[in-house]
N, C-alpha and C. Protein backbone atom coordinates (compact mmCIF):
# COMPACT_ATOMS: atom_id res chain seq x y z
N MET A 1 12.68 -47.43 -43.18
CA MET A 1 12.39 -46.19 -43.70
C MET A 1 13.06 -44.62 -43.15
N GLU A 2 13.60 -44.02 -44.14
CA GLU A 2 14.65 -43.11 -44.05
C GLU A 2 13.78 -41.91 -44.06
N ILE A 3 13.99 -40.79 -42.81
CA ILE A 3 13.77 -39.36 -42.71
C ILE A 3 15.06 -38.26 -43.23
N GLY A 4 14.27 -37.97 -44.08
CA GLY A 4 14.97 -36.77 -44.81
C GLY A 4 14.65 -35.79 -44.20
N ILE A 5 16.22 -35.16 -43.73
CA ILE A 5 16.18 -33.37 -43.39
C ILE A 5 16.78 -32.82 -44.33
N ILE A 6 15.90 -32.09 -44.79
CA ILE A 6 16.03 -30.97 -46.18
C ILE A 6 16.75 -29.94 -45.61
N ASP A 7 17.94 -30.44 -46.25
CA ASP A 7 19.25 -28.97 -46.18
C ASP A 7 18.58 -27.92 -47.04
N TYR A 8 18.72 -26.65 -47.00
CA TYR A 8 18.44 -25.93 -47.68
C TYR A 8 19.07 -24.32 -46.90
N GLY A 9 20.48 -25.20 -46.17
CA GLY A 9 21.03 -23.61 -45.52
C GLY A 9 20.37 -22.46 -44.45
N ALA A 10 19.45 -23.22 -43.92
CA ALA A 10 18.06 -22.61 -42.91
C ALA A 10 18.29 -22.69 -41.43
N GLY A 11 18.65 -24.14 -41.45
CA GLY A 11 18.86 -24.66 -40.27
C GLY A 11 20.44 -25.63 -39.28
N ASN A 12 20.40 -25.55 -38.12
CA ASN A 12 21.24 -26.55 -37.41
C ASN A 12 20.83 -27.80 -37.74
N LEU A 13 21.16 -29.06 -39.20
CA LEU A 13 21.33 -30.46 -39.35
C LEU A 13 21.64 -30.82 -38.32
N ARG A 14 22.80 -30.89 -37.59
CA ARG A 14 23.60 -31.47 -36.92
C ARG A 14 22.90 -32.09 -35.86
N SER A 15 22.54 -30.48 -35.28
CA SER A 15 21.85 -31.15 -33.96
C SER A 15 20.73 -32.07 -34.20
N ILE A 16 19.63 -31.37 -34.90
CA ILE A 16 18.47 -32.20 -35.55
C ILE A 16 18.99 -33.75 -36.20
N SER A 17 20.01 -33.90 -36.41
CA SER A 17 20.04 -35.44 -37.07
C SER A 17 20.47 -36.55 -36.09
N ASN A 18 21.87 -35.74 -35.10
CA ASN A 18 22.15 -36.67 -34.23
C ASN A 18 21.06 -36.51 -33.07
N ALA A 19 20.21 -35.88 -32.69
CA ALA A 19 18.99 -35.91 -31.67
C ALA A 19 17.96 -37.52 -32.31
N LEU A 20 17.37 -37.14 -33.71
CA LEU A 20 16.63 -37.73 -34.43
C LEU A 20 17.20 -39.39 -34.51
N ARG A 21 18.36 -39.78 -34.41
CA ARG A 21 19.53 -40.65 -34.59
C ARG A 21 19.28 -41.25 -32.94
N LYS A 22 19.67 -40.55 -32.51
CA LYS A 22 19.31 -41.21 -30.46
C LYS A 22 18.21 -41.32 -30.18
N VAL A 23 16.93 -41.23 -31.11
CA VAL A 23 15.63 -41.39 -30.36
C VAL A 23 15.39 -43.08 -31.69
N GLY A 24 16.24 -43.22 -32.80
CA GLY A 24 15.86 -44.67 -33.79
C GLY A 24 15.70 -44.14 -34.84
N GLY A 25 15.71 -42.90 -35.52
CA GLY A 25 15.61 -42.67 -36.72
C GLY A 25 16.52 -42.91 -37.51
N ASP A 26 16.74 -43.25 -38.99
CA ASP A 26 17.17 -43.36 -39.81
C ASP A 26 17.90 -42.43 -41.04
N VAL A 27 18.70 -41.70 -40.56
CA VAL A 27 18.45 -39.86 -41.38
C VAL A 27 19.28 -39.87 -41.92
N LYS A 28 18.91 -39.05 -42.87
CA LYS A 28 20.26 -38.59 -44.02
C LYS A 28 19.69 -37.19 -44.25
N THR A 29 20.95 -36.76 -45.20
CA THR A 29 20.20 -34.99 -45.49
C THR A 29 20.11 -35.09 -46.87
N VAL A 30 19.36 -34.43 -47.20
CA VAL A 30 18.61 -34.36 -48.93
C VAL A 30 18.52 -32.68 -48.77
N SER A 31 18.86 -32.64 -50.21
CA SER A 31 19.14 -31.01 -50.57
C SER A 31 18.23 -30.61 -51.96
N THR A 32 18.44 -32.13 -53.17
CA THR A 32 17.74 -32.03 -53.66
C THR A 32 15.99 -32.37 -54.30
N ALA A 33 15.55 -32.28 -55.26
CA ALA A 33 14.17 -33.19 -55.36
C ALA A 33 14.54 -33.86 -55.57
N ARG A 34 15.63 -34.89 -56.21
CA ARG A 34 15.81 -36.44 -55.94
C ARG A 34 15.78 -37.06 -54.31
N GLY A 35 16.57 -36.25 -53.74
CA GLY A 35 16.55 -37.14 -52.45
C GLY A 35 15.56 -36.30 -52.27
N ILE A 36 14.42 -35.92 -51.82
CA ILE A 36 13.39 -35.37 -51.58
C ILE A 36 12.60 -36.81 -51.61
N GLU A 37 12.27 -36.98 -52.94
CA GLU A 37 11.38 -37.71 -53.75
C GLU A 37 12.21 -39.26 -53.30
N ALA A 38 12.93 -39.30 -52.33
CA ALA A 38 13.10 -41.00 -52.04
C ALA A 38 12.82 -40.86 -50.80
N SER A 39 13.10 -40.13 -50.13
CA SER A 39 13.05 -40.27 -48.19
C SER A 39 11.46 -40.28 -48.18
N ASP A 40 11.36 -41.45 -46.88
CA ASP A 40 9.96 -41.80 -46.61
C ASP A 40 8.84 -40.88 -45.75
N ALA A 41 10.53 -40.15 -45.80
CA ALA A 41 9.62 -38.88 -44.31
C ALA A 41 10.26 -37.83 -44.01
N LEU A 42 9.84 -36.27 -43.76
CA LEU A 42 10.83 -35.72 -44.26
C LEU A 42 10.72 -34.84 -43.21
N VAL A 43 11.82 -34.11 -42.68
CA VAL A 43 12.00 -32.91 -41.51
C VAL A 43 12.73 -31.61 -42.13
N LEU A 44 12.08 -30.12 -41.30
CA LEU A 44 12.16 -29.29 -41.95
C LEU A 44 12.80 -28.31 -41.03
N PRO A 45 13.73 -28.21 -40.45
CA PRO A 45 13.92 -27.33 -39.52
C PRO A 45 14.46 -25.62 -40.29
N GLY A 46 14.60 -24.89 -39.39
CA GLY A 46 14.91 -23.51 -39.86
C GLY A 46 14.98 -22.57 -39.06
N VAL A 47 16.08 -22.39 -38.99
CA VAL A 47 16.02 -20.48 -38.51
C VAL A 47 16.52 -19.80 -39.56
N GLY A 48 16.08 -17.88 -38.63
CA GLY A 48 16.04 -16.89 -39.37
C GLY A 48 14.73 -16.31 -40.44
N ASN A 49 15.50 -15.61 -41.36
CA ASN A 49 14.93 -14.70 -41.72
C ASN A 49 13.08 -15.88 -42.89
N PHE A 50 12.02 -15.32 -43.01
CA PHE A 50 11.21 -16.10 -43.43
C PHE A 50 11.87 -16.08 -44.73
N GLY A 51 11.88 -14.89 -45.44
CA GLY A 51 11.32 -14.57 -47.10
C GLY A 51 12.36 -15.35 -47.67
N ASP A 52 14.12 -15.34 -46.49
CA ASP A 52 15.78 -15.74 -47.74
C ASP A 52 15.02 -17.13 -47.60
N ALA A 53 14.25 -17.94 -45.95
CA ALA A 53 13.82 -19.82 -46.05
C ALA A 53 13.55 -19.77 -47.47
N MET A 54 12.16 -19.17 -47.95
CA MET A 54 11.72 -19.77 -48.90
C MET A 54 12.35 -19.27 -50.28
N GLY A 55 13.04 -18.79 -49.91
CA GLY A 55 14.17 -18.79 -51.65
C GLY A 55 14.37 -19.70 -51.59
N ARG A 56 15.54 -19.87 -50.48
CA ARG A 56 16.12 -21.02 -50.42
C ARG A 56 15.74 -22.16 -50.77
N LEU A 57 14.36 -22.66 -50.51
CA LEU A 57 13.84 -23.76 -50.81
C LEU A 57 12.86 -23.60 -51.95
N GLU A 58 12.95 -23.02 -53.11
CA GLU A 58 12.76 -23.07 -53.66
C GLU A 58 12.84 -23.72 -55.12
N PRO A 59 13.73 -23.93 -55.39
CA PRO A 59 13.93 -25.17 -56.29
C PRO A 59 14.07 -26.77 -56.00
N VAL A 60 13.45 -26.82 -54.77
CA VAL A 60 12.58 -28.22 -54.49
C VAL A 60 10.99 -27.63 -53.92
N ARG A 61 10.89 -26.63 -53.70
CA ARG A 61 9.50 -26.21 -53.42
C ARG A 61 8.53 -27.13 -54.30
N GLY A 62 8.56 -27.39 -55.49
CA GLY A 62 7.02 -28.28 -55.86
C GLY A 62 7.80 -30.01 -55.57
N ALA A 63 8.60 -30.32 -55.06
CA ALA A 63 9.19 -31.75 -54.10
C ALA A 63 8.16 -31.92 -52.88
N VAL A 64 8.89 -30.78 -52.08
CA VAL A 64 8.10 -30.83 -51.10
C VAL A 64 6.82 -30.89 -51.03
N LEU A 65 6.34 -29.60 -51.48
CA LEU A 65 4.77 -30.29 -52.19
C LEU A 65 4.20 -30.94 -52.32
N ASP A 66 4.91 -31.85 -53.27
CA ASP A 66 4.45 -33.13 -53.65
C ASP A 66 4.47 -34.41 -52.58
N LYS A 67 5.51 -34.05 -52.27
CA LYS A 67 5.71 -35.49 -51.01
C LYS A 67 4.72 -35.22 -49.97
N ILE A 68 4.37 -34.24 -49.73
CA ILE A 68 3.67 -33.45 -48.58
C ILE A 68 2.33 -34.49 -49.03
N ARG A 69 1.67 -33.52 -50.23
CA ARG A 69 0.43 -33.96 -50.81
C ARG A 69 -0.09 -35.58 -50.99
N ILE A 70 1.32 -36.68 -51.59
CA ILE A 70 0.98 -37.52 -50.88
C ILE A 70 0.80 -38.63 -50.23
N GLY A 71 0.96 -38.01 -48.24
CA GLY A 71 0.93 -38.95 -47.25
C GLY A 71 1.74 -38.86 -46.35
N THR A 72 3.13 -38.51 -47.23
CA THR A 72 4.60 -38.89 -46.63
C THR A 72 4.58 -37.75 -44.92
N PRO A 73 4.82 -38.85 -43.73
CA PRO A 73 5.15 -37.59 -43.17
C PRO A 73 5.82 -36.54 -42.91
N PHE A 74 5.77 -35.72 -42.04
CA PHE A 74 6.17 -34.33 -42.77
C PHE A 74 6.23 -33.44 -41.00
N LEU A 75 7.56 -33.32 -40.83
CA LEU A 75 7.91 -32.35 -39.46
C LEU A 75 8.40 -31.01 -39.61
N GLY A 76 8.29 -30.33 -39.32
CA GLY A 76 8.60 -28.70 -39.66
C GLY A 76 8.69 -28.20 -37.88
N LEU A 77 9.59 -27.44 -38.04
CA LEU A 77 10.54 -27.11 -37.05
C LEU A 77 10.73 -25.68 -36.64
N CYS A 78 10.27 -24.64 -35.71
CA CYS A 78 11.23 -23.51 -36.05
C CYS A 78 10.84 -22.47 -36.98
N LEU A 79 10.99 -22.46 -37.64
CA LEU A 79 10.78 -21.41 -39.12
C LEU A 79 10.81 -22.74 -39.83
N GLY A 80 10.00 -24.06 -39.77
CA GLY A 80 9.78 -24.84 -40.80
C GLY A 80 8.20 -24.58 -40.12
N LEU A 81 8.06 -24.05 -39.35
CA LEU A 81 6.21 -24.14 -39.52
C LEU A 81 5.60 -22.93 -39.56
N GLN A 82 6.47 -22.41 -39.57
CA GLN A 82 6.01 -21.38 -39.72
C GLN A 82 6.20 -20.78 -41.73
N VAL A 83 6.91 -21.33 -42.20
CA VAL A 83 6.43 -21.96 -43.54
C VAL A 83 5.56 -22.47 -44.56
N LEU A 84 4.74 -22.83 -43.78
CA LEU A 84 4.01 -24.33 -44.07
C LEU A 84 2.86 -22.74 -44.10
N LEU A 85 2.27 -22.11 -43.70
CA LEU A 85 1.79 -20.27 -44.03
C LEU A 85 1.86 -20.73 -45.13
N GLU A 86 0.79 -19.15 -45.03
CA GLU A 86 0.16 -18.22 -46.46
C GLU A 86 1.68 -17.39 -46.42
N GLY A 87 1.99 -17.01 -45.63
CA GLY A 87 2.97 -15.91 -45.81
C GLY A 87 2.92 -15.50 -44.41
N SER A 88 4.63 -14.05 -44.04
CA SER A 88 4.85 -13.77 -43.24
C SER A 88 4.90 -11.92 -43.32
N LYS A 89 4.40 -11.42 -42.27
CA LYS A 89 5.25 -9.82 -42.52
C LYS A 89 6.00 -9.28 -42.04
N GLU A 90 6.98 -10.55 -42.11
CA GLU A 90 8.63 -10.46 -42.56
C GLU A 90 8.53 -10.54 -43.69
N ALA A 91 8.10 -10.80 -44.73
CA ALA A 91 8.98 -10.81 -45.97
C ALA A 91 7.50 -10.82 -46.81
N PRO A 92 6.58 -9.27 -46.79
CA PRO A 92 5.07 -9.66 -47.00
C PRO A 92 4.71 -9.91 -48.61
N ALA A 93 5.83 -9.91 -49.22
CA ALA A 93 5.66 -10.82 -50.48
C ALA A 93 5.85 -11.92 -51.10
N VAL A 94 6.21 -12.61 -50.20
CA VAL A 94 6.96 -13.84 -50.23
C VAL A 94 5.78 -14.73 -50.17
N ARG A 95 5.21 -15.74 -50.44
CA ARG A 95 4.45 -16.83 -50.66
C ARG A 95 5.23 -18.03 -49.71
N GLY A 96 4.65 -18.09 -48.78
CA GLY A 96 4.81 -19.42 -47.59
C GLY A 96 4.34 -20.75 -48.75
N LEU A 97 4.50 -22.19 -48.17
CA LEU A 97 4.14 -23.07 -48.91
C LEU A 97 2.69 -23.58 -49.04
N ASP A 98 1.53 -22.58 -48.33
CA ASP A 98 0.62 -22.75 -48.40
C ASP A 98 -0.49 -23.81 -48.20
N LEU A 99 -0.08 -24.56 -47.24
CA LEU A 99 -0.41 -25.97 -46.83
C LEU A 99 -1.32 -25.81 -45.66
N LEU A 100 -0.71 -24.47 -44.95
CA LEU A 100 -2.46 -24.07 -43.54
C LEU A 100 -2.24 -22.46 -44.01
N LYS A 101 -3.89 -22.73 -43.59
CA LYS A 101 -4.08 -20.92 -43.58
C LYS A 101 -3.62 -20.66 -42.52
N GLY A 102 -2.86 -19.18 -42.40
CA GLY A 102 -2.48 -18.23 -41.61
C GLY A 102 -1.32 -17.53 -42.57
N HIS A 103 -0.75 -16.59 -41.13
CA HIS A 103 0.37 -15.46 -41.79
C HIS A 103 0.71 -15.27 -40.47
N CYS A 104 1.82 -15.35 -40.44
CA CYS A 104 3.15 -14.43 -39.34
C CYS A 104 2.97 -14.01 -39.18
N GLU A 105 3.09 -13.86 -37.66
CA GLU A 105 2.90 -12.34 -37.50
C GLU A 105 4.02 -11.44 -36.02
N ARG A 106 4.48 -10.48 -36.03
CA ARG A 106 5.41 -10.82 -35.04
C ARG A 106 4.78 -10.10 -33.46
N PHE A 107 6.04 -10.61 -32.19
CA PHE A 107 5.01 -10.13 -31.71
C PHE A 107 4.79 -8.78 -30.67
N PRO A 108 3.99 -8.85 -30.69
CA PRO A 108 3.72 -7.42 -29.73
C PRO A 108 5.16 -7.05 -29.03
N GLU A 109 5.39 -5.32 -28.91
CA GLU A 109 6.17 -5.27 -28.22
C GLU A 109 5.89 -5.05 -26.65
N PRO A 110 4.62 -5.29 -26.34
CA PRO A 110 4.27 -5.48 -24.41
C PRO A 110 4.49 -6.47 -24.24
N SER A 111 4.63 -7.84 -25.21
CA SER A 111 4.47 -8.47 -25.07
C SER A 111 5.75 -9.18 -24.02
N GLY A 112 7.26 -8.26 -24.38
CA GLY A 112 8.20 -8.94 -23.61
C GLY A 112 9.61 -8.76 -24.31
N LYS A 113 10.19 -9.48 -23.89
CA LYS A 113 11.56 -8.83 -24.69
C LYS A 113 11.63 -10.11 -26.31
N ILE A 114 11.65 -9.27 -27.24
CA ILE A 114 11.29 -9.45 -28.81
C ILE A 114 13.58 -10.54 -28.96
N PRO A 115 13.55 -11.58 -29.14
CA PRO A 115 12.73 -12.48 -29.66
C PRO A 115 12.44 -13.39 -28.65
N HIS A 116 11.09 -13.77 -28.42
CA HIS A 116 11.49 -14.88 -26.90
C HIS A 116 12.04 -16.30 -27.26
N MET A 117 12.60 -15.72 -26.73
CA MET A 117 13.62 -17.14 -26.01
C MET A 117 14.05 -17.58 -25.21
N GLY A 118 13.73 -18.97 -24.32
CA GLY A 118 13.83 -19.58 -24.17
C GLY A 118 13.24 -20.58 -24.03
N TRP A 119 12.82 -21.12 -22.26
CA TRP A 119 12.15 -22.45 -21.69
C TRP A 119 10.27 -21.96 -21.62
N ASN A 120 9.54 -22.52 -22.11
CA ASN A 120 8.17 -22.11 -22.10
C ASN A 120 7.37 -23.15 -21.67
N SER A 121 5.91 -22.54 -21.38
CA SER A 121 4.66 -24.94 -21.06
C SER A 121 3.55 -24.44 -22.30
N LEU A 122 3.35 -25.85 -23.07
CA LEU A 122 2.85 -25.83 -23.48
C LEU A 122 1.05 -25.85 -23.13
N LYS A 123 0.60 -25.95 -23.45
CA LYS A 123 -1.18 -26.02 -23.13
C LYS A 123 -1.35 -27.31 -24.62
N ILE A 124 -1.82 -28.30 -24.51
CA ILE A 124 -2.60 -28.97 -25.05
C ILE A 124 -3.71 -29.18 -25.37
N GLU A 125 -4.02 -28.41 -26.84
CA GLU A 125 -5.15 -28.42 -27.82
C GLU A 125 -5.92 -29.71 -27.60
N LYS A 126 -4.92 -30.45 -28.58
CA LYS A 126 -6.17 -31.67 -29.01
C LYS A 126 -4.29 -33.14 -29.14
N LYS A 127 -5.33 -34.07 -29.10
CA LYS A 127 -4.58 -35.60 -28.79
C LYS A 127 -3.83 -35.66 -29.96
N THR A 128 -2.71 -35.48 -30.67
CA THR A 128 -2.25 -35.93 -31.88
C THR A 128 -1.05 -37.45 -31.19
N PRO A 129 -0.77 -38.71 -32.33
CA PRO A 129 0.21 -39.43 -31.49
C PRO A 129 2.04 -38.06 -31.44
N LEU A 130 2.03 -37.46 -32.19
CA LEU A 130 3.06 -36.56 -32.15
C LEU A 130 3.84 -36.00 -30.98
N LEU A 131 2.33 -35.82 -29.30
CA LEU A 131 2.42 -35.55 -28.88
C LEU A 131 2.18 -36.67 -27.44
N GLY A 132 2.36 -38.40 -27.99
CA GLY A 132 2.42 -38.83 -27.14
C GLY A 132 3.90 -38.84 -25.55
N GLY A 133 3.08 -39.34 -24.63
CA GLY A 133 3.74 -38.62 -23.59
C GLY A 133 4.42 -37.64 -22.93
N ILE A 134 3.48 -36.08 -23.53
CA ILE A 134 3.96 -35.16 -23.16
C ILE A 134 2.37 -34.88 -22.18
N GLU A 135 2.46 -33.52 -21.20
CA GLU A 135 1.49 -33.33 -20.74
C GLU A 135 1.74 -31.78 -20.61
N ASP A 136 0.13 -31.70 -20.40
CA ASP A 136 0.11 -29.66 -20.24
C ASP A 136 1.18 -29.44 -19.43
N SER A 137 1.50 -28.21 -19.32
CA SER A 137 2.47 -27.32 -18.64
C SER A 137 4.20 -27.87 -18.79
N ASP A 138 4.39 -29.40 -19.34
CA ASP A 138 5.76 -29.53 -20.17
C ASP A 138 6.42 -27.99 -20.79
N TYR A 139 7.58 -28.40 -20.75
CA TYR A 139 8.68 -27.37 -20.67
C TYR A 139 8.98 -27.10 -21.63
N PHE A 140 9.61 -26.48 -23.45
CA PHE A 140 10.48 -26.62 -24.19
C PHE A 140 10.92 -25.39 -24.64
N TYR A 141 12.12 -25.34 -25.49
CA TYR A 141 13.11 -23.89 -25.81
C TYR A 141 12.49 -23.50 -26.68
N PHE A 142 12.22 -22.08 -26.63
CA PHE A 142 11.86 -21.68 -28.17
C PHE A 142 12.96 -20.26 -28.71
N VAL A 143 13.08 -20.45 -29.40
CA VAL A 143 13.33 -19.13 -30.13
C VAL A 143 12.98 -18.12 -31.48
N HIS A 144 12.40 -17.38 -31.55
CA HIS A 144 11.94 -16.97 -31.94
C HIS A 144 10.87 -15.20 -32.16
N SER A 145 10.88 -15.14 -33.06
CA SER A 145 9.96 -13.54 -32.99
C SER A 145 8.95 -12.82 -33.71
N TYR A 146 9.19 -13.96 -34.27
CA TYR A 146 7.06 -14.44 -35.15
C TYR A 146 6.25 -15.53 -34.75
N TYR A 147 5.65 -15.49 -35.05
CA TYR A 147 4.98 -16.64 -34.47
C TYR A 147 3.33 -17.03 -35.23
N GLY A 148 2.86 -17.85 -35.81
CA GLY A 148 1.93 -18.28 -36.80
C GLY A 148 0.69 -18.01 -36.02
N ASP A 149 -0.14 -17.17 -36.73
CA ASP A 149 -1.29 -16.82 -36.86
C ASP A 149 -2.35 -17.68 -37.48
N VAL A 150 -2.90 -18.89 -37.03
CA VAL A 150 -3.27 -20.09 -38.29
C VAL A 150 -4.64 -19.93 -37.75
N GLN A 151 -5.25 -20.14 -39.00
CA GLN A 151 -6.77 -19.94 -39.57
C GLN A 151 -7.63 -21.50 -39.02
N ASP A 152 -5.78 -22.53 -39.73
CA ASP A 152 -6.88 -23.91 -39.66
C ASP A 152 -7.11 -23.84 -37.85
N LYS A 153 -7.65 -24.03 -36.66
CA LYS A 153 -7.68 -23.97 -35.53
C LYS A 153 -7.69 -25.44 -35.06
N ASP A 154 -8.07 -26.31 -36.06
CA ASP A 154 -8.09 -27.50 -35.95
C ASP A 154 -6.59 -28.03 -36.05
N ALA A 155 -5.81 -27.60 -36.90
CA ALA A 155 -4.42 -27.90 -36.90
C ALA A 155 -3.84 -27.72 -35.45
N ILE A 156 -4.21 -26.86 -35.12
CA ILE A 156 -3.21 -26.07 -33.45
C ILE A 156 -3.18 -27.48 -32.69
N ALA A 157 -2.69 -28.73 -32.40
CA ALA A 157 -2.50 -29.74 -31.20
C ALA A 157 -2.10 -29.51 -29.99
N ALA A 158 -1.10 -28.29 -29.83
CA ALA A 158 -0.84 -27.77 -28.44
C ALA A 158 -0.52 -25.92 -28.72
N SER A 159 -0.78 -25.08 -27.11
CA SER A 159 -0.64 -23.62 -27.63
C SER A 159 0.12 -22.96 -26.66
N CYS A 160 1.16 -21.65 -26.34
CA CYS A 160 1.93 -21.22 -25.78
C CYS A 160 1.76 -19.83 -25.96
N GLU A 161 1.63 -19.00 -24.33
CA GLU A 161 2.06 -17.80 -24.01
C GLU A 161 2.71 -17.36 -24.12
N TYR A 162 3.50 -15.68 -24.76
CA TYR A 162 3.63 -15.16 -24.24
C TYR A 162 3.55 -14.07 -25.07
N GLY A 163 3.38 -13.26 -24.50
CA GLY A 163 1.98 -11.71 -24.55
C GLY A 163 0.34 -11.88 -25.39
N VAL A 164 0.80 -12.79 -26.43
CA VAL A 164 -0.74 -13.56 -27.24
C VAL A 164 -0.44 -14.92 -27.45
N ILE A 165 -1.40 -15.87 -26.71
CA ILE A 165 -1.57 -17.24 -27.05
C ILE A 165 -0.73 -17.74 -28.64
N PHE A 166 0.07 -18.44 -29.11
CA PHE A 166 0.18 -19.09 -30.54
C PHE A 166 0.40 -20.20 -30.50
N PRO A 167 -0.04 -20.95 -31.82
CA PRO A 167 0.49 -22.03 -31.74
C PRO A 167 1.69 -22.88 -31.35
N ALA A 168 2.32 -23.91 -30.32
CA ALA A 168 3.44 -23.85 -30.47
C ALA A 168 3.69 -25.84 -31.10
N VAL A 169 2.35 -26.00 -31.42
CA VAL A 169 2.34 -27.90 -31.99
C VAL A 169 1.12 -27.71 -33.12
N LEU A 170 1.36 -27.90 -34.10
CA LEU A 170 0.57 -28.38 -35.28
C LEU A 170 0.30 -29.23 -35.30
N SER A 171 -0.84 -29.88 -36.06
CA SER A 171 -0.89 -31.83 -36.44
C SER A 171 -2.38 -31.32 -37.01
N LYS A 172 -2.01 -31.32 -38.68
CA LYS A 172 -3.08 -32.17 -39.20
C LYS A 172 -2.81 -32.93 -39.87
N ASN A 173 -3.50 -34.17 -40.45
CA ASN A 173 -3.33 -35.21 -41.35
C ASN A 173 -1.44 -36.34 -41.17
N ASN A 174 -0.99 -35.80 -42.56
CA ASN A 174 0.27 -36.10 -42.23
C ASN A 174 1.75 -35.16 -41.74
N ILE A 175 0.53 -33.94 -41.26
CA ILE A 175 1.66 -32.66 -40.99
C ILE A 175 1.52 -32.48 -39.88
N TYR A 176 2.74 -32.28 -39.48
CA TYR A 176 3.13 -31.70 -37.93
C TYR A 176 4.24 -30.51 -38.38
N ALA A 177 4.58 -30.53 -36.64
CA ALA A 177 5.48 -29.01 -36.58
C ALA A 177 5.01 -28.64 -35.81
N CYS A 178 6.32 -28.04 -34.99
CA CYS A 178 6.97 -27.10 -33.62
C CYS A 178 7.75 -26.35 -33.42
N GLN A 179 6.70 -25.21 -32.88
CA GLN A 179 7.57 -24.04 -33.04
C GLN A 179 9.15 -24.17 -32.03
N PHE A 180 8.73 -24.89 -31.81
CA PHE A 180 10.12 -24.73 -30.80
C PHE A 180 11.38 -25.17 -31.00
N HIS A 181 12.66 -25.37 -30.47
CA HIS A 181 13.37 -26.40 -30.54
C HIS A 181 13.29 -28.06 -30.17
N PRO A 182 12.82 -28.63 -30.93
CA PRO A 182 12.66 -30.26 -29.57
C PRO A 182 13.72 -30.35 -29.53
N GLU A 183 14.96 -30.23 -30.32
CA GLU A 183 16.55 -30.81 -30.49
C GLU A 183 17.16 -30.24 -29.30
N ARG A 184 16.19 -29.23 -28.05
CA ARG A 184 17.13 -28.81 -26.95
C ARG A 184 16.57 -28.11 -26.19
N SER A 185 15.02 -29.08 -26.01
CA SER A 185 13.79 -29.01 -25.14
C SER A 185 14.37 -30.63 -24.17
N GLY A 186 15.70 -31.03 -23.95
CA GLY A 186 15.48 -32.27 -22.83
C GLY A 186 14.51 -32.99 -23.80
N GLU A 187 14.71 -34.03 -22.62
CA GLU A 187 13.96 -35.42 -22.78
C GLU A 187 12.88 -35.47 -23.81
N LYS A 188 11.90 -34.36 -22.94
CA LYS A 188 10.84 -34.39 -23.30
C LYS A 188 10.51 -34.05 -25.16
N GLY A 189 11.15 -33.27 -25.34
CA GLY A 189 11.68 -33.26 -26.73
C GLY A 189 12.05 -34.41 -27.48
N LEU A 190 13.14 -34.56 -27.16
CA LEU A 190 13.74 -36.43 -27.38
C LEU A 190 12.28 -37.17 -27.42
N ARG A 191 11.10 -37.11 -26.76
CA ARG A 191 10.09 -37.69 -26.58
C ARG A 191 9.27 -37.59 -28.22
N ILE A 192 9.05 -35.98 -28.70
CA ILE A 192 8.47 -35.63 -29.66
C ILE A 192 9.46 -36.10 -30.79
N LEU A 193 10.13 -36.52 -30.59
CA LEU A 193 10.97 -36.55 -31.87
C LEU A 193 11.00 -38.35 -31.92
N GLU A 194 11.20 -39.07 -31.51
CA GLU A 194 10.64 -40.59 -31.55
C GLU A 194 8.74 -40.40 -31.73
N ASN A 195 8.86 -40.12 -30.77
CA ASN A 195 7.32 -40.25 -31.81
C ASN A 195 6.88 -40.04 -33.29
N PHE A 196 7.63 -39.28 -33.36
CA PHE A 196 7.54 -38.18 -35.08
C PHE A 196 8.42 -39.86 -35.69
N VAL A 197 9.92 -40.37 -35.17
CA VAL A 197 10.02 -41.85 -35.67
C VAL A 197 9.25 -42.76 -36.27
N SER A 198 8.54 -42.70 -35.54
CA SER A 198 7.57 -44.02 -34.97
C SER A 198 6.50 -43.69 -35.68
N LEU A 199 5.64 -42.49 -35.94
CA LEU A 199 4.76 -41.93 -37.34
C LEU A 199 5.83 -42.45 -38.59
N ALA A 200 7.33 -42.09 -38.68
CA ALA A 200 7.92 -42.09 -40.03
C ALA A 200 7.81 -43.37 -40.78
N GLY A 201 7.45 -45.10 -39.36
CA GLY A 201 7.77 -46.57 -39.32
C GLY A 201 8.91 -47.22 -39.10
N ASN A 202 10.57 -45.98 -38.29
CA ASN A 202 11.25 -46.72 -38.14
C ASN A 202 11.32 -47.54 -37.00
């Protein structure tokens, strides 16, 4: 079972590829609709601007949506979580993938230094296979200035607090996403990636 890491110019593919291989994933990089269609599971990493990311995703948007809609396991990371929503205040005119209801908001200034950068703990909100072996108060590494204001509350598997409480892990049907960087989060981050590899059938 091959896990396709979507290369759209908005993520550190080497680090996530290495981390997935470390936990047993059969990984390839994909950048075309054909490559996405041939993948048994998909990972969408991402850093940077919401609008730029959606622009780069546009050529393969349909292929990504088709794969998700037929039940292909999907993992969005950092910006890859945010693009699952309807849109973002970072780029108000740009439409997200609209797979989950909600919009991305910028952290309010009183929250502290922006971006939210460094280690922070999770609060588990519901059981999901992605969080097997993860407990309340486990720490993960975050780097982001915007957070998902997710209206699909049943999709929120774990939350985090940085001035506001925001979704840190999403899980709904075959869609999974983490606002943090699991590949930079030590053994706990690797455990999450290992769980996804298992979900992907590796």
